[in-house]
Amino acid sequence: MTFSVGVVGVGQFGGQFAHLFNLHPGVSAVRVVDELPERAAEAVDRYHLAGSEPSFDALLASDVDAVAIFTQRWTHGPLVEQALRAGKHVYSAVPMAISEEEIARIIDAVQETGLTYMMGETSYYNPATVYARKQLAAGSFGRIFYTEGDYVHDMDLGFYDAYQYSGGDRWKETASYPPMLYPTHAVGGVLGAVPAHAVSVSCVGVKDDRNDGVFDKEVSMFGNDFSNATALFELNDGGVMRTNEMRRVGYPSHIRESRFRFFGTEASFEQLAKVTVWQDKENVHDISEQLETRPSMSLDDPSLANVAPELRDAFVSGLSPVHDAERLPEEFRGAPNGHEGSHHFLVDDFVTAVNSGTLPPVNAWVAARFTLPGIVAHQSALRGGERLPIRDFGDAPAIR
């Protein structure tokens, strides 16, 4: 079986994903749409795609079977729901949505239409998460009782350029996006390994003091002045998860943006920028080489011309030894990858789910557990760290 895909937004990451969808043997054709028609035309030419559409509405009115959404992060919820209601399967970049209400509407739409929804959370396929998932399945951790997931990305390392690229003259209004409304690269890496979900949170936000118009309440379309935030979550299994979302930090985020720690009663796992260790009650084992990714393309590749040099590592990092490369389509060999080898798996899992009628790993219910904790954490920070409950939408249905 095959199906057609319409890619919405072919900027920095969207173009690469259009290329991967086009390579996949389970996809029959790829069309694109972008606010800048010339960017859509360039993607069609560069990746030999089927063509373009003039607007999102035109794409939904076309005969494409699925859409893949790579628009601004606060726009995903309504676009996803609209696409599902139009009868399209949906792949969405992170985050799932920016409010509990938007999340609920997506889950309702998935249930009512029976269509496939997948959130493209890279950390589910992060080598650290893959390794931890395998160790937990083998019983090596014992009981995991404490975890940490951090997304550590300084604004100075490429984010100014990225927001100017996507936001135009008024980019500072959107560059102030609240850190905890983009929690999935931290939360997803933990909950992608540990079968639990957050039930409550207390969060503290750090107000920015750079005074450059970013994270300025008077400028921000979100009324946000937090550049960093730290949240402590209670999990339903009695464990604890801590998450840091940092946008002002002296840390080499171009080397590793997301990093994780898992502590169990029998063993633990800890990760820094260049070193990862597995520890039991007797010794410390350096496992860095197992989690090291290999470049999938040159940092100077022409397709990265519009990407800030500090961000390019995220576009080229390929597979690591811990990844199961054998399950990927042969057509992906040598193709660009990114976010520590996740892009190939993201595309393959979505295509497989649509063609087989099965639930993808990061389906709507899992995506809610990766996304909503951060939304509630931000509300906690606005209320001085007040501990707040987190709604759970339950497990995905076993059979759709």
Protein backbone atom coordinates (compact mmCIF):
# COMPACT_ATOMS: atom_id res chain seq x y z
CA MET A 1 0.00 0.00 0.00
CA THR A 2 1.01 3.59 -0.58
CA PHE A 3 -0.50 7.01 0.08
CA SER A 4 0.17 10.64 -0.82
CA VAL A 5 1.42 13.33 1.57
CA GLY A 6 1.08 17.10 1.56
CA VAL A 7 3.83 18.88 3.49
CA VAL A 8 2.79 22.19 5.06
CA GLY A 9 5.74 24.52 5.52
CA VAL A 10 8.97 23.69 3.70
CA GLY A 11 11.35 25.93 5.59
CA GLN A 12 14.35 24.63 7.45
CA PHE A 13 13.09 21.23 8.63
CA GLY A 14 9.99 20.84 6.47
CA GLY A 15 12.02 20.59 3.28
CA GLN A 16 14.15 17.77 4.63
CA PHE A 17 11.06 15.86 5.72
CA ALA A 18 9.44 16.36 2.32
CA HIS A 19 12.55 14.72 0.85
CA LEU A 20 12.33 11.75 3.25
CA PHE A 21 8.61 11.23 2.62
CA ASN A 22 9.35 11.29 -1.11
CA LEU A 23 12.04 8.63 -0.71
CA HIS A 24 9.86 6.28 1.36
CA PRO A 25 8.50 3.31 -0.62
CA GLY A 26 5.20 3.57 1.27
CA VAL A 27 4.50 7.06 -0.12
CA SER A 28 3.19 7.52 -3.66
CA ALA A 29 3.58 11.29 -4.05
CA VAL A 30 4.49 14.42 -2.09
CA ARG A 31 3.01 17.87 -2.62
CA VAL A 32 3.93 21.00 -0.65
CA VAL A 33 2.49 24.32 0.42
CA ASP A 34 4.26 27.30 1.95
CA GLU A 35 3.42 30.93 2.73
CA LEU A 36 6.24 31.82 0.34
CA PRO A 37 5.37 30.30 -3.07
CA GLU A 38 8.99 30.56 -4.21
CA ARG A 39 10.07 28.37 -1.28
CA ALA A 40 7.51 25.72 -2.25
CA ALA A 41 8.71 25.85 -5.87
CA GLU A 42 12.32 25.46 -4.77
CA ALA A 43 11.46 22.38 -2.69
CA VAL A 44 9.60 20.82 -5.62
CA ASP A 45 12.62 21.31 -7.87
CA ARG A 46 15.26 20.30 -5.32
CA TYR A 47 13.57 17.08 -4.19
CA HIS A 48 11.68 16.18 -7.39
CA LEU A 49 8.27 16.34 -5.71
CA ALA A 50 4.85 15.97 -7.34
CA GLY A 51 4.00 19.68 -7.11
CA SER A 52 2.63 22.39 -4.85
CA GLU A 53 -0.68 23.90 -3.74
CA PRO A 54 -1.41 27.62 -3.28
CA SER A 55 -2.74 27.34 0.29
CA PHE A 56 -3.45 25.05 3.23
CA ASP A 57 -7.16 25.05 2.37
CA ALA A 58 -6.37 24.10 -1.21
CA LEU A 59 -4.19 21.25 0.05
CA LEU A 60 -7.03 19.96 2.22
CA ALA A 61 -9.41 20.18 -0.72
CA SER A 62 -7.01 18.15 -2.87
CA ASP A 63 -6.81 14.36 -3.06
CA VAL A 64 -3.75 13.97 -0.82
CA ASP A 65 -4.30 11.29 1.81
CA ALA A 66 -2.21 12.82 4.61
CA VAL A 67 -0.62 16.09 5.67
CA ALA A 68 2.61 16.75 7.53
CA ILE A 69 2.57 20.06 9.41
CA PHE A 70 5.77 22.07 9.94
CA THR A 71 4.34 25.50 10.73
CA GLN A 72 5.02 27.82 13.69
CA ARG A 73 4.80 25.90 16.95
CA TRP A 74 1.75 27.74 18.35
CA THR A 75 -0.32 27.02 15.22
CA HIS A 76 -0.32 23.23 15.29
CA GLY A 77 -3.46 22.51 17.32
CA PRO A 78 -6.06 24.18 15.06
CA LEU A 79 -4.34 23.08 11.85
CA VAL A 80 -4.18 19.46 12.99
CA GLU A 81 -7.86 19.42 13.92
CA GLN A 82 -8.84 21.04 10.62
CA ALA A 83 -6.84 18.47 8.66
CA LEU A 84 -8.32 15.52 10.54
CA ARG A 85 -11.84 16.87 10.01
CA ALA A 86 -11.02 17.18 6.31
CA GLY A 87 -10.31 13.45 6.21
CA LYS A 88 -6.50 13.55 6.22
CA HIS A 89 -4.08 11.52 8.29
CA VAL A 90 -1.78 13.92 10.16
CA TYR A 91 1.88 14.06 11.06
CA SER A 92 2.60 17.15 13.19
CA ALA A 93 5.83 18.70 14.33
CA VAL A 94 6.08 19.44 18.04
CA PRO A 95 4.44 20.57 20.18
CA MET A 96 1.05 18.93 19.80
CA ALA A 97 -0.75 22.12 20.88
CA ILE A 98 -0.44 24.98 23.36
CA SER A 99 -3.54 24.42 25.50
CA GLU A 100 -5.41 21.56 27.14
CA GLU A 101 -8.47 22.44 25.09
CA GLU A 102 -6.60 22.10 21.79
CA ILE A 103 -5.22 18.73 22.89
CA ALA A 104 -8.69 17.50 23.81
CA ARG A 105 -10.07 18.57 20.43
CA ILE A 106 -7.34 16.67 18.58
CA ILE A 107 -8.00 13.50 20.56
CA ASP A 108 -11.74 13.84 19.91
CA ALA A 109 -11.06 14.28 16.18
CA VAL A 110 -8.81 11.20 16.07
CA GLN A 111 -11.43 9.12 17.88
CA GLU A 112 -14.29 10.32 15.70
CA THR A 113 -12.50 10.01 12.34
CA GLY A 114 -10.41 6.91 12.99
CA LEU A 115 -7.53 8.57 11.17
CA THR A 116 -3.84 8.35 12.06
CA TYR A 117 -2.25 11.16 14.08
CA MET A 118 1.42 11.20 15.05
CA MET A 119 3.45 13.89 16.77
CA GLY A 120 7.01 14.03 15.49
CA GLU A 121 8.83 13.98 18.80
CA THR A 122 12.51 13.45 18.12
CA SER A 123 13.48 12.50 21.67
CA TYR A 124 11.48 9.25 21.51
CA TYR A 125 14.22 8.06 19.11
CA ASN A 126 17.10 9.82 20.89
CA PRO A 127 19.92 7.30 21.46
CA ALA A 128 19.70 7.90 25.22
CA THR A 129 15.98 7.13 25.27
CA VAL A 130 16.41 4.09 23.03
CA TYR A 131 19.17 2.77 25.32
CA ALA A 132 17.18 3.44 28.51
CA ARG A 133 14.08 1.79 27.01
CA LYS A 134 16.09 -1.36 26.27
CA GLN A 135 17.68 -1.44 29.72
CA LEU A 136 14.31 -1.00 31.42
CA ALA A 137 12.80 -3.82 29.33
CA ALA A 138 15.68 -6.04 30.41
CA GLY A 139 15.04 -5.23 34.08
CA SER A 140 18.51 -3.72 34.51
CA PHE A 141 17.37 -0.53 36.27
CA GLY A 142 15.26 -2.22 38.91
CA ARG A 143 12.59 0.33 39.74
CA ILE A 144 13.16 3.75 38.16
CA PHE A 145 12.18 6.31 40.78
CA TYR A 146 13.84 9.54 39.59
CA THR A 147 14.43 10.93 36.10
CA GLU A 148 15.62 14.12 34.45
CA GLY A 149 15.04 15.44 30.96
CA ASP A 150 16.55 18.74 29.91
CA TYR A 151 16.26 20.77 26.72
CA VAL A 152 19.23 23.10 26.94
CA HIS A 153 19.43 25.49 23.99
CA ASP A 154 20.86 28.96 24.37
CA MET A 155 19.27 31.73 22.31
CA ASP A 156 22.72 32.94 21.24
CA LEU A 157 23.43 29.61 19.53
CA GLY A 158 21.30 30.01 16.44
CA PHE A 159 17.87 30.79 17.84
CA TYR A 160 18.04 34.51 17.04
CA ASP A 161 18.66 33.62 13.39
CA ALA A 162 15.96 30.94 13.39
CA TYR A 163 13.29 33.28 14.76
CA GLN A 164 14.25 36.03 12.32
CA TYR A 165 14.04 33.50 9.47
CA SER A 166 10.51 32.40 10.45
CA GLY A 167 9.16 35.56 12.08
CA GLY A 168 10.11 38.38 9.75
CA ASP A 169 10.26 41.98 10.98
CA ARG A 170 8.22 41.21 14.10
CA TRP A 171 10.28 38.19 15.11
CA LYS A 172 10.84 39.37 18.70
CA GLU A 173 7.13 38.95 19.39
CA THR A 174 7.43 35.22 18.78
CA ALA A 175 11.00 34.64 19.99
CA SER A 176 9.62 35.05 23.51
CA TYR A 177 7.75 31.74 23.21
CA PRO A 178 7.45 30.36 26.79
CA PRO A 179 10.06 27.61 27.29
CA MET A 180 7.61 25.25 29.03
CA LEU A 181 5.21 25.37 26.08
CA TYR A 182 7.89 23.49 24.13
CA PRO A 183 8.54 20.68 26.63
CA THR A 184 8.52 17.57 24.49
CA HIS A 185 12.26 17.31 23.74
CA ALA A 186 12.76 16.96 27.51
CA VAL A 187 9.59 15.22 28.71
CA GLY A 188 9.32 12.91 25.70
CA GLY A 189 12.81 11.51 26.18
CA VAL A 190 11.95 10.43 29.72
CA LEU A 191 8.39 9.22 29.19
CA GLY A 192 9.45 7.62 25.92
CA ALA A 193 11.46 5.20 28.05
CA VAL A 194 9.51 5.03 31.31
CA PRO A 195 5.89 3.78 31.08
CA ALA A 196 4.43 6.50 33.29
CA HIS A 197 2.79 9.91 33.05
CA ALA A 198 2.83 13.14 35.04
CA VAL A 199 -0.01 13.78 37.49
CA SER A 200 1.10 17.04 39.14
CA VAL A 201 3.76 19.73 38.80
CA SER A 202 5.43 22.64 40.55
CA CYS A 203 7.46 24.94 38.32
CA VAL A 204 9.63 28.02 38.80
CA GLY A 205 10.30 30.40 35.93
CA VAL A 206 13.41 32.58 35.68
CA LYS A 207 12.69 36.08 34.37
CA ASP A 208 15.00 37.26 31.63
CA ASP A 209 17.37 40.19 32.22
CA ARG A 210 19.06 40.60 28.81
CA ASN A 211 16.85 43.62 27.97
CA ASP A 212 17.10 43.15 24.22
CA GLY A 213 13.38 43.00 23.48
CA VAL A 214 13.22 39.20 23.61
CA PHE A 215 11.37 37.72 26.62
CA ASP A 216 9.93 41.18 27.21
CA LYS A 217 6.30 41.09 28.35
CA GLU A 218 5.54 44.33 26.54
CA VAL A 219 6.80 42.91 23.23
CA SER A 220 5.89 39.23 23.56
CA MET A 221 2.72 38.00 21.86
CA PHE A 222 2.57 35.50 24.74
CA GLY A 223 3.09 38.08 27.51
CA ASN A 224 6.12 36.02 28.57
CA ASP A 225 9.32 37.09 30.31
CA PHE A 226 10.62 33.64 31.38
CA SER A 227 13.74 32.57 29.48
CA ASN A 228 14.42 29.54 31.71
CA ALA A 229 12.13 27.30 33.73
CA THR A 230 12.51 24.27 36.00
CA ALA A 231 9.65 21.89 36.77
CA LEU A 232 9.28 19.02 39.22
CA PHE A 233 6.66 16.45 38.24
CA GLU A 234 5.00 13.70 40.26
CA LEU A 235 4.45 10.59 38.14
CA ASN A 236 1.55 8.18 38.43
CA ASP A 237 3.89 5.32 39.43
CA GLY A 238 5.14 7.25 42.47
CA GLY A 239 8.34 8.38 40.78
CA VAL A 240 9.67 11.88 40.14
CA MET A 241 10.67 13.66 36.92
CA ARG A 242 12.51 16.95 36.74
CA THR A 243 12.63 19.01 33.57
CA ASN A 244 14.70 22.04 32.63
CA GLU A 245 13.86 24.25 29.67
CA MET A 246 16.70 26.73 29.21
CA ARG A 247 17.14 29.52 26.64
CA ARG A 248 19.86 31.51 28.42
CA VAL A 249 22.60 29.11 29.42
CA GLY A 250 26.33 28.60 29.01
CA TYR A 251 26.18 25.16 27.44
CA PRO A 252 27.21 23.74 24.01
CA SER A 253 23.71 22.97 22.76
CA HIS A 254 25.04 22.41 19.24
CA ILE A 255 26.67 19.26 20.62
CA ARG A 256 23.65 17.93 22.53
CA GLU A 257 20.39 19.81 23.00
CA SER A 258 18.49 17.17 24.97
CA ARG A 259 20.10 15.22 27.79
CA PHE A 260 18.72 12.67 30.23
CA ARG A 261 19.26 10.92 33.58
CA PHE A 262 17.51 7.83 34.94
CA PHE A 263 18.00 6.57 38.49
CA GLY A 264 16.82 3.09 39.47
CA THR A 265 17.15 0.91 42.52
CA GLU A 266 19.72 -1.32 40.78
CA ALA A 267 21.42 0.95 38.23
CA SER A 268 21.46 4.46 36.80
CA PHE A 269 22.22 6.33 33.60
CA GLU A 270 23.64 9.86 33.27
CA GLN A 271 24.36 12.02 30.26
CA LEU A 272 26.39 15.19 29.70
CA ALA A 273 27.27 16.96 26.46
CA LYS A 274 29.97 14.50 25.39
CA VAL A 275 29.91 11.74 28.02
CA THR A 276 27.28 9.16 28.91
CA VAL A 277 27.67 6.58 31.66
CA TRP A 278 25.85 3.50 32.93
CA GLN A 279 26.35 2.88 36.66
CA ASP A 280 25.49 -0.08 38.83
CA LYS A 281 26.30 -0.70 42.48
CA GLU A 282 29.82 -1.79 41.65
CA ASN A 283 31.17 0.31 38.80
CA VAL A 284 30.80 3.08 36.21
CA HIS A 285 30.70 2.13 32.51
CA ASP A 286 31.38 4.70 29.80
CA ILE A 287 28.82 4.01 27.06
CA SER A 288 29.36 7.25 25.12
CA GLU A 289 30.43 5.43 21.95
CA GLN A 290 27.17 3.44 21.79
CA LEU A 291 25.15 6.67 21.76
CA GLU A 292 27.38 8.73 19.45
CA THR A 293 25.70 9.65 16.18
CA ARG A 294 27.42 9.77 12.81
CA PRO A 295 26.98 12.75 10.44
CA SER A 296 24.50 12.10 7.63
CA MET A 297 25.59 15.06 5.47
CA SER A 298 28.08 17.92 5.38
CA LEU A 299 27.50 20.99 7.52
CA ASP A 300 28.16 22.97 4.33
CA ASP A 301 25.49 21.22 2.26
CA PRO A 302 23.63 23.76 0.04
CA SER A 303 20.28 22.72 1.53
CA LEU A 304 21.44 24.23 4.85
CA ALA A 305 22.22 27.66 3.43
CA ASN A 306 19.34 29.26 5.39
CA VAL A 307 20.25 27.53 8.66
CA ALA A 308 22.47 29.27 11.21
CA PRO A 309 25.84 27.47 11.55
CA GLU A 310 25.15 26.91 15.27
CA LEU A 311 21.98 24.95 14.41
CA ARG A 312 23.29 22.77 11.62
CA ASP A 313 24.37 19.88 13.84
CA ALA A 314 20.68 19.20 14.54
CA PHE A 315 20.12 18.79 10.78
CA VAL A 316 22.96 16.37 10.06
CA SER A 317 23.27 14.03 13.07
CA GLY A 318 22.60 10.51 11.86
CA LEU A 319 22.31 7.07 13.36
CA SER A 320 24.15 5.74 16.41
CA PRO A 321 25.17 2.14 17.21
CA VAL A 322 22.21 1.75 19.56
CA HIS A 323 19.70 2.45 16.78
CA ASP A 324 18.05 -0.40 14.87
CA ALA A 325 19.05 0.75 11.40
CA GLU A 326 18.02 -2.55 9.80
CA ARG A 327 14.32 -1.76 10.20
CA LEU A 328 14.57 1.35 7.99
CA PRO A 329 13.82 1.38 4.25
CA GLU A 330 16.79 0.77 1.97
CA GLU A 331 15.92 4.04 0.22
CA PHE A 332 16.95 5.99 3.35
CA ARG A 333 20.57 4.86 3.16
CA GLY A 334 22.70 7.97 2.67
CA ALA A 335 19.71 10.31 3.02
CA PRO A 336 19.90 13.34 5.32
CA ASN A 337 18.98 12.66 8.94
CA GLY A 338 18.86 14.86 12.02
CA HIS A 339 18.08 15.34 15.71
CA GLU A 340 20.38 12.49 16.74
CA GLY A 341 19.17 10.06 14.11
CA SER A 342 15.45 10.50 14.68
CA HIS A 343 14.20 11.82 11.34
CA HIS A 344 14.33 8.49 9.49
CA PHE A 345 12.42 6.71 12.26
CA LEU A 346 9.82 9.47 12.51
CA VAL A 347 8.94 9.23 8.83
CA ASP A 348 9.03 5.45 8.75
CA ASP A 349 6.80 5.05 11.81
CA PHE A 350 4.18 7.45 10.44
CA VAL A 351 4.13 5.82 7.01
CA THR A 352 3.94 2.35 8.56
CA ALA A 353 1.07 3.38 10.85
CA VAL A 354 -0.98 4.85 8.00
CA ASN A 355 -0.41 1.92 5.66
CA SER A 356 -1.02 -0.76 8.31
CA GLY A 357 -3.85 0.95 10.19
CA THR A 358 -1.96 0.69 13.48
CA LEU A 359 -1.19 3.30 16.12
CA PRO A 360 2.20 5.03 15.81
CA PRO A 361 4.41 5.13 18.92
CA VAL A 362 3.76 8.84 19.59
CA ASN A 363 0.03 8.76 18.90
CA ALA A 364 -2.42 11.39 20.15
CA TRP A 365 -2.64 9.97 23.67
CA VAL A 366 1.13 9.67 24.06
CA ALA A 367 1.60 13.12 22.52
CA ALA A 368 -0.77 14.54 25.14
CA ARG A 369 1.38 13.02 27.90
CA PHE A 370 4.50 14.57 26.33
CA THR A 371 2.92 18.02 25.81
CA LEU A 372 0.35 18.83 28.50
CA PRO A 373 2.79 18.59 31.47
CA GLY A 374 4.70 21.59 30.09
CA ILE A 375 1.53 23.60 29.52
CA VAL A 376 0.48 23.08 33.13
CA ALA A 377 4.05 23.72 34.32
CA HIS A 378 3.98 27.14 32.69
CA GLN A 379 0.74 27.93 34.51
CA SER A 380 2.42 26.83 37.77
CA ALA A 381 5.33 29.19 37.10
CA LEU A 382 2.92 32.05 36.51
CA ARG A 383 1.38 31.24 39.90
CA GLY A 384 4.66 31.29 41.80
CA GLY A 385 5.33 27.57 41.67
CA GLU A 386 1.93 26.45 42.92
CA ARG A 387 1.53 22.68 42.63
CA LEU A 388 -1.09 21.93 39.98
CA PRO A 389 -2.77 18.70 38.83
CA ILE A 390 -2.22 17.44 35.28
CA ARG A 391 -5.10 15.85 33.40
CA ASP A 392 -4.49 12.48 31.77
CA PHE A 393 -6.42 11.50 28.65
CA GLY A 394 -5.75 7.81 29.25
CA ASP A 395 -4.11 5.19 27.10
CA ALA A 396 -4.63 4.89 23.38
CA PRO A 397 -7.26 2.34 22.39
CA ALA A 398 -5.72 -1.06 21.75
CA ILE A 399 -7.49 -1.41 18.41
CA ARG A 400 -8.75 1.50 16.32
